[in-house]
Structures are given as C-alpha cells and as structure tokens.
N, C-alpha and C. Protein backbone atom coordinates (compact mmCIF):
# COMPACT_ATOMS: atom_id res chain seq x y z
N UNK A 1 -22.87 20.08 -5.90
CA UNK A 1 -22.09 19.42 -6.98
C UNK A 1 -22.53 18.34 -7.04
N UNK A 2 -22.77 17.68 -8.22
CA UNK A 2 -22.62 16.22 -8.60
C UNK A 2 -21.61 15.66 -9.17
N UNK A 3 -21.21 14.61 -9.08
CA UNK A 3 -20.12 13.76 -9.73
C UNK A 3 -20.73 12.73 -10.18
N UNK A 4 -20.51 12.68 -11.46
CA UNK A 4 -20.59 11.46 -12.53
C UNK A 4 -19.56 10.61 -12.69
N UNK A 5 -19.35 9.58 -12.35
CA UNK A 5 -18.49 8.37 -12.56
C UNK A 5 -18.68 7.88 -13.58
N UNK A 6 -17.95 8.20 -14.74
CA UNK A 6 -18.23 6.98 -16.03
C UNK A 6 -17.10 6.32 -16.34
N UNK A 7 -17.21 5.01 -16.52
CA UNK A 7 -16.27 4.18 -16.90
C UNK A 7 -15.66 4.34 -18.38
N UNK A 8 -14.39 4.27 -18.24
CA UNK A 8 -13.35 4.17 -19.59
C UNK A 8 -14.44 3.36 -20.74
N UNK A 9 -13.80 4.26 -21.80
CA UNK A 9 -14.58 3.67 -22.93
C UNK A 9 -14.19 2.10 -23.35
N UNK A 10 -13.12 1.73 -22.79
CA UNK A 10 -12.58 0.20 -23.15
C UNK A 10 -13.39 -0.45 -22.19
N UNK A 11 -14.07 -0.19 -21.33
CA UNK A 11 -14.98 -0.55 -20.28
C UNK A 11 -16.41 -0.76 -21.10
N UNK A 12 -16.83 -0.06 -21.86
CA UNK A 12 -18.09 0.27 -22.41
C UNK A 12 -18.19 -0.28 -23.96
N UNK A 13 -17.72 -1.36 -24.32
CA UNK A 13 -17.17 -1.40 -26.05
C UNK A 13 -18.83 -1.20 -26.63
N UNK A 14 -19.87 -1.80 -26.06
CA UNK A 14 -21.29 -1.32 -26.85
C UNK A 14 -21.41 0.09 -27.00
N UNK A 15 -20.78 0.96 -26.49
CA UNK A 15 -20.78 2.09 -26.77
C UNK A 15 -20.21 2.90 -27.62
N UNK A 16 -19.03 2.08 -28.23
CA UNK A 16 -18.10 2.64 -29.36
C UNK A 16 -18.66 2.79 -30.30
N UNK A 17 -19.77 1.97 -30.97
CA UNK A 17 -20.21 1.79 -32.02
C UNK A 17 -21.38 3.27 -32.41
N UNK A 18 -22.17 3.30 -31.24
CA UNK A 18 -23.01 4.12 -31.44
C UNK A 18 -22.75 5.51 -31.50
N UNK A 19 -21.32 5.87 -30.74
CA UNK A 19 -20.53 7.03 -30.48
C UNK A 19 -19.86 7.35 -32.01
N UNK A 20 -19.61 6.08 -32.47
CA UNK A 20 -18.53 6.31 -33.57
C UNK A 20 -19.80 6.91 -34.68
N UNK A 21 -20.78 6.16 -34.49
CA UNK A 21 -21.72 6.84 -35.81
C UNK A 21 -22.38 8.39 -35.35
N UNK A 22 -22.31 8.50 -34.18
CA UNK A 22 -22.92 10.16 -34.12
C UNK A 22 -22.01 10.98 -34.49
N UNK A 23 -20.46 10.87 -34.24
CA UNK A 23 -19.65 11.25 -34.80
C UNK A 23 -19.55 11.53 -36.19
N UNK A 24 -19.80 10.33 -36.92
CA UNK A 24 -19.91 10.51 -38.26
C UNK A 24 -21.32 11.52 -38.62
N UNK A 25 -22.09 11.32 -37.84
CA UNK A 25 -23.13 12.31 -38.48
C UNK A 25 -22.98 13.66 -38.26
N UNK A 26 -22.22 13.91 -37.44
CA UNK A 26 -21.81 15.23 -36.79
C UNK A 26 -20.67 15.74 -37.95
N UNK A 27 -19.67 14.83 -38.45
CA UNK A 27 -18.90 15.31 -39.65
C UNK A 27 -19.54 15.36 -40.80
N UNK A 28 -20.64 14.83 -41.27
CA UNK A 28 -21.47 15.08 -42.14
C UNK A 28 -22.02 16.40 -42.19
N UNK A 29 -22.72 16.66 -41.15
CA UNK A 29 -23.52 17.91 -40.58
C UNK A 29 -22.51 19.11 -41.02
N UNK A 30 -21.27 19.15 -40.21
CA UNK A 30 -20.32 19.44 -40.29
C UNK A 30 -19.88 20.46 -41.64
N UNK A 31 -19.61 19.49 -42.60
CA UNK A 31 -18.74 19.51 -43.68
C UNK A 31 -19.91 19.57 -45.19
N UNK A 32 -21.17 19.45 -44.51
CA UNK A 32 -22.31 19.21 -45.89
C UNK A 32 -22.18 18.34 -46.67
N UNK A 33 -21.77 17.31 -46.08
CA UNK A 33 -21.38 16.04 -46.89
C UNK A 33 -22.49 14.74 -46.60
N UNK A 34 -22.62 13.79 -47.59
CA UNK A 34 -23.16 12.64 -47.15
C UNK A 34 -22.65 12.18 -45.73
N UNK A 35 -23.49 11.23 -45.06
CA UNK A 35 -23.00 10.98 -43.75
C UNK A 35 -22.23 9.26 -44.65
N UNK A 36 -21.15 8.81 -43.97
CA UNK A 36 -20.56 7.66 -44.16
C UNK A 36 -20.90 6.65 -43.48
N UNK A 37 -20.83 5.60 -43.76
CA UNK A 37 -20.86 4.27 -42.85
C UNK A 37 -19.70 3.57 -42.64
N UNK A 38 -19.43 2.45 -41.70
CA UNK A 38 -18.36 2.06 -41.49
C UNK A 38 -18.90 0.54 -41.95
N UNK A 39 -17.65 0.12 -42.64
CA UNK A 39 -17.52 -1.36 -43.05
C UNK A 39 -17.58 -2.20 -41.73
N UNK A 40 -17.83 -3.66 -41.75
CA UNK A 40 -17.67 -4.51 -40.89
C UNK A 40 -16.59 -4.74 -40.32
N UNK A 41 -15.59 -4.51 -41.09
CA UNK A 41 -14.19 -4.82 -40.81
C UNK A 41 -13.54 -3.34 -39.72
N UNK A 42 -14.16 -2.17 -40.07
CA UNK A 42 -13.68 -0.91 -39.12
C UNK A 42 -14.31 -0.89 -37.91
N UNK A 43 -15.62 -1.55 -38.06
CA UNK A 43 -16.26 -1.50 -36.70
C UNK A 43 -15.65 -2.54 -35.95
N UNK A 44 -15.07 -3.98 -36.35
CA UNK A 44 -14.17 -4.63 -35.92
C UNK A 44 -13.18 -3.98 -34.97
N UNK A 45 -12.34 -3.28 -35.59
CA UNK A 45 -11.19 -2.75 -35.39
C UNK A 45 -11.59 -1.46 -33.98
N UNK A 46 -12.68 -0.73 -34.58
CA UNK A 46 -13.06 0.05 -33.00
C UNK A 46 -13.30 -0.58 -32.25
N UNK A 47 -13.95 -1.71 -32.34
CA UNK A 47 -14.66 -2.50 -30.92
C UNK A 47 -13.30 -3.18 -30.51
N UNK A 48 -12.36 -3.58 -31.08
CA UNK A 48 -10.98 -4.39 -30.72
C UNK A 48 -10.14 -3.17 -29.98
N UNK A 49 -10.30 -1.87 -30.44
CA UNK A 49 -9.34 -1.21 -29.65
C UNK A 49 -9.60 -0.79 -28.05
N UNK A 50 -8.59 -0.23 -27.60
CA UNK A 50 -8.77 0.07 -26.17
C UNK A 50 -9.08 1.48 -25.64
N UNK A 51 -8.86 2.23 -26.47
CA UNK A 51 -9.07 3.83 -26.41
C UNK A 51 -8.54 4.34 -25.13
N UNK A 52 -7.34 4.40 -25.11
CA UNK A 52 -6.73 4.94 -24.19
C UNK A 52 -7.15 6.34 -24.03
N UNK A 53 -7.48 7.12 -24.79
CA UNK A 53 -7.77 8.57 -25.21
C UNK A 53 -8.99 8.74 -25.11
N UNK A 54 -10.05 7.77 -24.60
CA UNK A 54 -11.48 7.68 -24.48
C UNK A 54 -12.18 8.10 -25.48
N UNK A 55 -13.30 8.88 -25.24
CA UNK A 55 -14.13 9.29 -26.43
C UNK A 55 -13.49 10.25 -27.32
N UNK A 56 -12.42 11.15 -26.94
CA UNK A 56 -11.94 12.21 -27.88
C UNK A 56 -10.95 11.61 -28.49
N UNK A 57 -10.26 10.36 -28.22
CA UNK A 57 -9.72 9.63 -29.15
C UNK A 57 -10.70 9.03 -30.41
N UNK A 58 -11.73 8.49 -29.63
CA UNK A 58 -12.69 8.00 -31.03
C UNK A 58 -13.16 9.06 -31.47
N UNK A 59 -13.72 10.15 -31.50
CA UNK A 59 -13.75 11.54 -32.26
C UNK A 59 -12.79 11.71 -33.27
N UNK A 60 -11.41 11.91 -32.62
CA UNK A 60 -10.50 12.11 -33.51
C UNK A 60 -10.25 10.62 -34.67
N UNK A 61 -10.36 9.97 -34.27
CA UNK A 61 -10.31 8.54 -35.07
C UNK A 61 -11.28 8.73 -36.23
N UNK A 62 -12.18 8.77 -35.91
CA UNK A 62 -13.64 9.14 -37.00
C UNK A 62 -13.46 10.46 -37.59
N UNK A 63 -12.73 11.63 -37.36
CA UNK A 63 -12.53 12.51 -38.00
C UNK A 63 -11.29 12.29 -39.03
N UNK A 64 -10.23 11.37 -38.70
CA UNK A 64 -9.25 11.11 -39.59
C UNK A 64 -9.62 10.08 -40.80
N UNK A 65 -10.81 9.28 -40.18
CA UNK A 65 -11.26 8.45 -41.04
C UNK A 65 -12.24 9.02 -42.26
N UNK A 66 -12.95 10.09 -41.77
CA UNK A 66 -13.79 10.65 -42.68
C UNK A 66 -12.89 11.57 -43.74
N UNK A 67 -11.48 12.25 -43.43
CA UNK A 67 -10.98 12.65 -43.97
C UNK A 67 -9.96 11.96 -45.19
N UNK A 68 -9.84 10.33 -44.97
CA UNK A 68 -9.09 9.72 -45.87
C UNK A 68 -9.59 8.81 -46.54
N UNK A 69 -11.30 8.62 -46.27
CA UNK A 69 -12.19 7.79 -46.74
C UNK A 69 -12.16 8.38 -48.31
N UNK A 70 -12.56 7.65 -49.22
CA UNK A 70 -12.52 8.22 -50.61
C UNK A 70 -13.93 7.70 -51.09
N UNK A 71 -14.69 7.18 -50.42
CA UNK A 71 -16.13 6.58 -50.93
C UNK A 71 -16.93 6.74 -49.69
N UNK A 72 -18.11 6.32 -50.04
CA UNK A 72 -19.53 6.18 -48.96
C UNK A 72 -19.12 5.44 -47.39
N UNK A 73 -18.08 4.30 -47.65
CA UNK A 73 -17.96 3.62 -46.47
C UNK A 73 -16.52 3.43 -46.01
N UNK A 74 -16.18 3.70 -44.89
CA UNK A 74 -14.94 3.97 -44.49
C UNK A 74 -14.63 2.50 -44.02
N UNK A 75 -13.42 2.18 -44.41
CA UNK A 75 -12.84 0.54 -44.05
C UNK A 75 -11.73 0.83 -43.54
N UNK A 76 -11.04 -0.17 -42.93
CA UNK A 76 -10.21 -0.13 -41.90
C UNK A 76 -8.84 0.61 -42.65
N UNK A 77 -8.53 0.52 -43.90
CA UNK A 77 -7.37 1.32 -44.25
C UNK A 77 -7.76 2.70 -43.68
N UNK A 78 -8.66 3.16 -43.98
CA UNK A 78 -9.07 4.74 -43.27
C UNK A 78 -8.84 5.37 -42.03
N UNK A 79 -8.77 4.35 -41.21
CA UNK A 79 -8.78 4.43 -39.88
C UNK A 79 -7.48 4.65 -39.30
N UNK A 80 -7.23 5.74 -38.35
CA UNK A 80 -5.55 5.90 -37.68
C UNK A 80 -4.94 4.61 -38.09
N UNK A 81 -3.48 4.84 -37.86
CA UNK A 81 -2.72 3.45 -37.75
C UNK A 81 -2.77 2.64 -36.78
N UNK A 82 -2.90 3.27 -35.86
CA UNK A 82 -3.02 2.50 -34.28
C UNK A 82 -4.04 1.24 -34.58
N UNK A 83 -5.16 1.99 -35.01
CA UNK A 83 -6.60 0.88 -35.34
C UNK A 83 -6.37 0.11 -36.29
N UNK A 84 -5.58 0.36 -37.29
CA UNK A 84 -5.15 -0.49 -38.09
C UNK A 84 -4.32 -1.54 -37.63
N UNK A 85 -3.20 -1.41 -37.12
CA UNK A 85 -2.38 -2.69 -36.37
C UNK A 85 -3.56 -3.25 -35.35
N UNK A 86 -4.33 -2.56 -34.49
CA UNK A 86 -5.23 -3.34 -33.75
C UNK A 86 -5.96 -4.57 -34.66
N UNK A 87 -6.63 -4.00 -35.62
CA UNK A 87 -7.35 -4.90 -36.28
C UNK A 87 -6.56 -6.12 -37.01
N UNK A 88 -5.25 -5.71 -37.19
CA UNK A 88 -4.50 -7.10 -37.71
C UNK A 88 -4.26 -7.92 -36.86
N UNK A 89 -3.89 -7.62 -35.16
CA UNK A 89 -3.41 -8.15 -34.64
C UNK A 89 -4.78 -9.14 -33.74
N UNK A 90 -5.98 -8.54 -34.07
CA UNK A 90 -7.14 -9.04 -33.51
C UNK A 90 -7.71 -9.98 -34.59
N UNK A 91 -7.05 -10.00 -35.71
CA UNK A 91 -7.32 -11.41 -36.86
C UNK A 91 -8.48 -10.72 -37.70
N UNK A 92 -8.80 -9.54 -37.87
CA UNK A 92 -9.86 -9.34 -38.78
C UNK A 92 -9.70 -9.45 -40.22
N UNK A 93 -10.34 -9.11 -41.02
CA UNK A 93 -10.08 -9.55 -42.32
C UNK A 93 -8.78 -8.90 -42.95
N UNK A 94 -8.22 -9.08 -43.87
CA UNK A 94 -6.54 -9.06 -44.42
C UNK A 94 -7.24 -7.41 -45.09
N UNK A 95 -6.27 -6.42 -44.98
CA UNK A 95 -6.49 -5.25 -45.91
C UNK A 95 -5.39 -4.96 -46.73
N UNK A 96 -5.39 -4.50 -47.81
CA UNK A 96 -4.34 -4.05 -48.52
C UNK A 96 -3.54 -3.19 -47.73
N UNK A 97 -1.94 -3.77 -47.55
CA UNK A 97 -1.02 -2.80 -46.85
C UNK A 97 -0.48 -1.46 -47.73
N UNK A 98 -0.60 -1.65 -48.66
CA UNK A 98 -0.39 -0.59 -49.48
C UNK A 98 -1.09 0.56 -49.72
N UNK A 99 -0.64 1.87 -49.55
CA UNK A 99 -1.68 2.96 -49.71
C UNK A 99 -1.56 3.36 -51.10
N UNK A 100 -2.60 4.06 -51.39
CA UNK A 100 -2.48 4.51 -53.08
C UNK A 100 -1.50 5.78 -52.83
N UNK A 101 -1.13 6.09 -53.99
CA UNK A 101 -0.19 7.67 -54.03
C UNK A 101 -1.28 8.90 -53.40
N UNK A 102 -2.30 8.64 -53.94
CA UNK A 102 -3.03 9.71 -53.46
C UNK A 102 -3.33 9.67 -51.64
N UNK A 103 -3.57 8.70 -51.47
CA UNK A 103 -3.98 8.55 -49.92
C UNK A 103 -2.26 8.65 -49.24
N UNK A 104 -1.48 8.36 -49.57
CA UNK A 104 -0.04 8.48 -48.91
C UNK A 104 -0.02 9.82 -48.86
N UNK A 105 -0.22 10.70 -50.05
CA UNK A 105 0.00 11.99 -49.95
C UNK A 105 -0.88 12.68 -48.62
N UNK A 106 -1.88 12.43 -49.10
CA UNK A 106 -3.32 12.67 -48.41
C UNK A 106 -2.54 13.04 -46.92
N UNK A 107 -2.19 11.87 -46.27
CA UNK A 107 -1.50 11.24 -45.35
C UNK A 107 -0.51 12.19 -44.47
N UNK A 108 0.68 12.29 -45.53
CA UNK A 108 1.72 13.32 -45.18
C UNK A 108 1.20 14.34 -44.94
N UNK A 109 0.40 15.09 -45.77
CA UNK A 109 0.00 16.52 -45.85
C UNK A 109 -0.81 16.66 -44.44
N UNK A 110 -1.72 15.81 -44.08
CA UNK A 110 -2.49 15.84 -42.74
C UNK A 110 -1.42 15.68 -41.66
N UNK A 111 -0.72 15.12 -41.73
CA UNK A 111 0.19 14.95 -40.60
C UNK A 111 1.27 16.15 -40.56
N UNK A 112 1.88 16.83 -41.53
CA UNK A 112 2.35 18.01 -41.58
C UNK A 112 1.67 18.86 -41.09
N UNK A 113 0.44 19.33 -41.19
CA UNK A 113 -0.54 20.45 -40.89
C UNK A 113 -0.72 20.19 -39.47
N UNK A 114 -0.64 18.84 -38.83
CA UNK A 114 -0.69 18.94 -37.44
C UNK A 114 0.36 19.20 -36.63
N UNK A 115 1.69 18.67 -37.05
CA UNK A 115 2.75 19.15 -36.31
C UNK A 115 3.26 20.50 -36.51
N UNK A 116 2.77 21.18 -37.67
CA UNK A 116 2.96 22.71 -37.75
C UNK A 116 1.79 23.30 -37.00
N UNK A 117 0.95 22.71 -36.44
CA UNK A 117 -0.30 23.25 -35.72
C UNK A 117 -1.05 24.03 -36.40
N UNK A 118 -1.53 23.26 -38.05
CA UNK A 118 -2.45 24.25 -38.72
C UNK A 118 -1.70 25.50 -39.63
N UNK A 119 -0.15 25.53 -39.49
CA UNK A 119 0.48 26.63 -39.99
C UNK A 119 0.54 25.91 -41.70
N UNK A 120 0.22 26.54 -42.43
CA UNK A 120 0.40 26.29 -44.10
C UNK A 120 1.64 26.22 -44.52
N UNK A 121 2.51 27.49 -44.21
CA UNK A 121 3.76 27.69 -44.74
C UNK A 121 4.93 26.75 -44.04
N UNK A 122 4.71 26.72 -42.60
CA UNK A 122 5.52 25.67 -41.94
C UNK A 122 5.09 24.17 -42.58
N UNK A 123 4.01 23.78 -42.81
CA UNK A 123 3.77 22.83 -43.27
C UNK A 123 4.43 22.22 -44.37
N UNK A 124 4.48 23.26 -45.72
CA UNK A 124 4.88 23.10 -46.94
C UNK A 124 6.63 23.15 -46.79
N UNK A 125 7.27 23.80 -45.72
CA UNK A 125 8.50 23.47 -45.47
C UNK A 125 9.10 21.91 -44.86
N UNK A 126 8.08 21.58 -43.89
CA UNK A 126 8.07 20.37 -43.65
C UNK A 126 8.05 19.46 -44.91
N UNK A 127 7.22 19.47 -45.43
CA UNK A 127 7.22 18.37 -46.32
C UNK A 127 8.10 18.79 -47.76
N UNK A 128 9.02 20.11 -47.58
CA UNK A 128 9.86 20.41 -48.67
C UNK A 128 9.00 20.49 -50.10
N UNK A 129 8.02 21.10 -50.12
CA UNK A 129 7.22 21.63 -51.37
C UNK A 129 6.54 23.30 -51.36
N UNK A 130 6.88 23.78 -52.25
CA UNK A 130 6.10 24.98 -52.40
C UNK A 130 4.77 25.44 -51.81
N UNK A 131 4.84 26.55 -51.25
CA UNK A 131 3.52 26.65 -50.30
C UNK A 131 2.38 26.70 -51.26
N UNK A 132 2.40 27.50 -52.44
CA UNK A 132 1.44 26.86 -53.57
C UNK A 132 0.97 25.75 -53.79
N UNK A 133 1.89 25.08 -53.86
CA UNK A 133 1.59 23.28 -54.19
C UNK A 133 0.50 22.92 -53.24
N UNK A 134 1.04 23.16 -52.01
CA UNK A 134 0.44 22.54 -50.50
C UNK A 134 -0.64 23.39 -50.59
N UNK A 135 -1.15 24.46 -51.08
CA UNK A 135 -2.56 25.11 -50.73
C UNK A 135 -3.25 24.40 -51.69
N UNK A 136 -2.72 24.02 -52.94
CA UNK A 136 -3.57 23.40 -54.08
C UNK A 136 -3.97 21.96 -53.59
N UNK A 137 -3.00 21.34 -52.93
CA UNK A 137 -3.54 19.96 -52.52
C UNK A 137 -4.29 19.94 -51.15
N UNK A 138 -4.17 20.89 -50.59
CA UNK A 138 -5.13 20.82 -49.47
C UNK A 138 -6.70 21.54 -49.78
N UNK A 139 -6.81 21.78 -50.52
CA UNK A 139 -8.12 22.03 -51.24
C UNK A 139 -8.48 20.73 -52.28
N UNK A 140 -7.38 20.35 -52.93
CA UNK A 140 -7.82 19.06 -53.50
C UNK A 140 -8.22 17.93 -52.43
N UNK A 141 -7.68 17.53 -51.28
CA UNK A 141 -7.80 16.59 -50.62
C UNK A 141 -8.92 17.11 -49.30
N UNK A 142 -9.50 18.23 -49.39
CA UNK A 142 -10.63 18.67 -48.46
C UNK A 142 -10.05 18.80 -47.34
N UNK A 143 -8.88 19.12 -47.00
CA UNK A 143 -7.90 19.32 -45.58
C UNK A 143 -7.95 20.63 -45.35
N UNK A 144 -9.17 21.67 -45.61
CA UNK A 144 -9.04 23.10 -45.25
C UNK A 144 -9.30 23.04 -43.28
N UNK A 145 -9.84 22.09 -42.88
CA UNK A 145 -10.70 22.05 -41.60
C UNK A 145 -9.17 21.91 -40.48
N UNK A 146 -7.97 20.95 -41.14
CA UNK A 146 -7.06 20.67 -40.48
C UNK A 146 -6.00 22.15 -40.23
N UNK A 147 -6.14 22.97 -41.33
CA UNK A 147 -5.28 24.29 -40.94
C UNK A 147 -5.76 25.13 -40.43
N UNK A 148 -7.61 25.24 -40.59
CA UNK A 148 -8.13 26.39 -40.07
C UNK A 148 -8.39 25.98 -38.47
N UNK A 149 -8.64 25.00 -38.14
CA UNK A 149 -9.12 24.28 -36.62
C UNK A 149 -7.87 24.60 -35.64
N UNK A 150 -6.56 24.31 -36.37
CA UNK A 150 -5.27 24.08 -35.75
C UNK A 150 -4.66 25.44 -35.65
N UNK A 151 -4.66 26.35 -36.24
CA UNK A 151 -4.21 27.81 -36.22
C UNK A 151 -4.52 28.26 -34.74
N UNK A 152 -3.32 29.04 -34.53
CA UNK A 152 -3.63 29.66 -33.03
C UNK A 152 -4.08 30.99 -33.42
C-alpha cells in the first residue's frame, strides 16, 4: 500500500485557481453550457479563503457560483456567502451587497432543496409555496441538478 500525504488546500494556494478552472470546465461539460470564467475579484476571494473543507468545498463553491451566475463571468456575488465575507475582509473590490430579487429567490430555492435533501415537495413546504410554482421556478433557474442529485 502506498500512502500519499497531500497538504491541505490552504497550504497550496497556487492550486486553488487551476482546480477552480477545472471544476468550471467540468460543470460546463456536465450541463452542456459554455465555460464560465472567474472575475479578478472572484479569483482573489477564492485565493484568500482558507478552505477548511479542502478540494470538496472548492468543488461545491464552483457549483454554487455556476448556479447563481447570470452571465459568462463569475463575480464575487455569485460565490457562497462564506467566500463573499472573506473577500470583503480581505479588502477586495466592493461588491453590491444587495441581491436582485431573482438571485434572492434562486438562493432561497437552492437552500430549501439542500435542506430538504432534494425533496421538491418538502422544499415547497419549507418555502411556503405551492409545489407546481416551485417546480416551475426550479426549471426557470435551472436548479434541477439540486433536486436530482440530492434525492435519496
């Protein structure tokens, strides 16, 4: 048996961006979408974060950013909240702290689906909306992967 000792991601900051770009390529291939790019501010936020969840947390952060990004470039506002706070405390460029109504709704739906472990009916209950409305919003925001991949 061969054991490999790999340092945590926080000790290999030079690996963060190449890994993030690889995950972006993977997301694009998985959903048949164009590859998104990272803004300079998003790159700075990714590199400033300590990554307690290591590479798995980075993969989840990239998936989150792809789900919330409305254009071809991922901004700090598209990153998970913990990374947005890191970027503010690191002194990166100021981002608009208000979410659009659409982004707030998309965020609420994705969080409800995660809490409900992909169960759409339970997520609708948590959000206090009708199931058919939630189903329509899931399609609109292309969040099907959250309910399909998390369903048991």
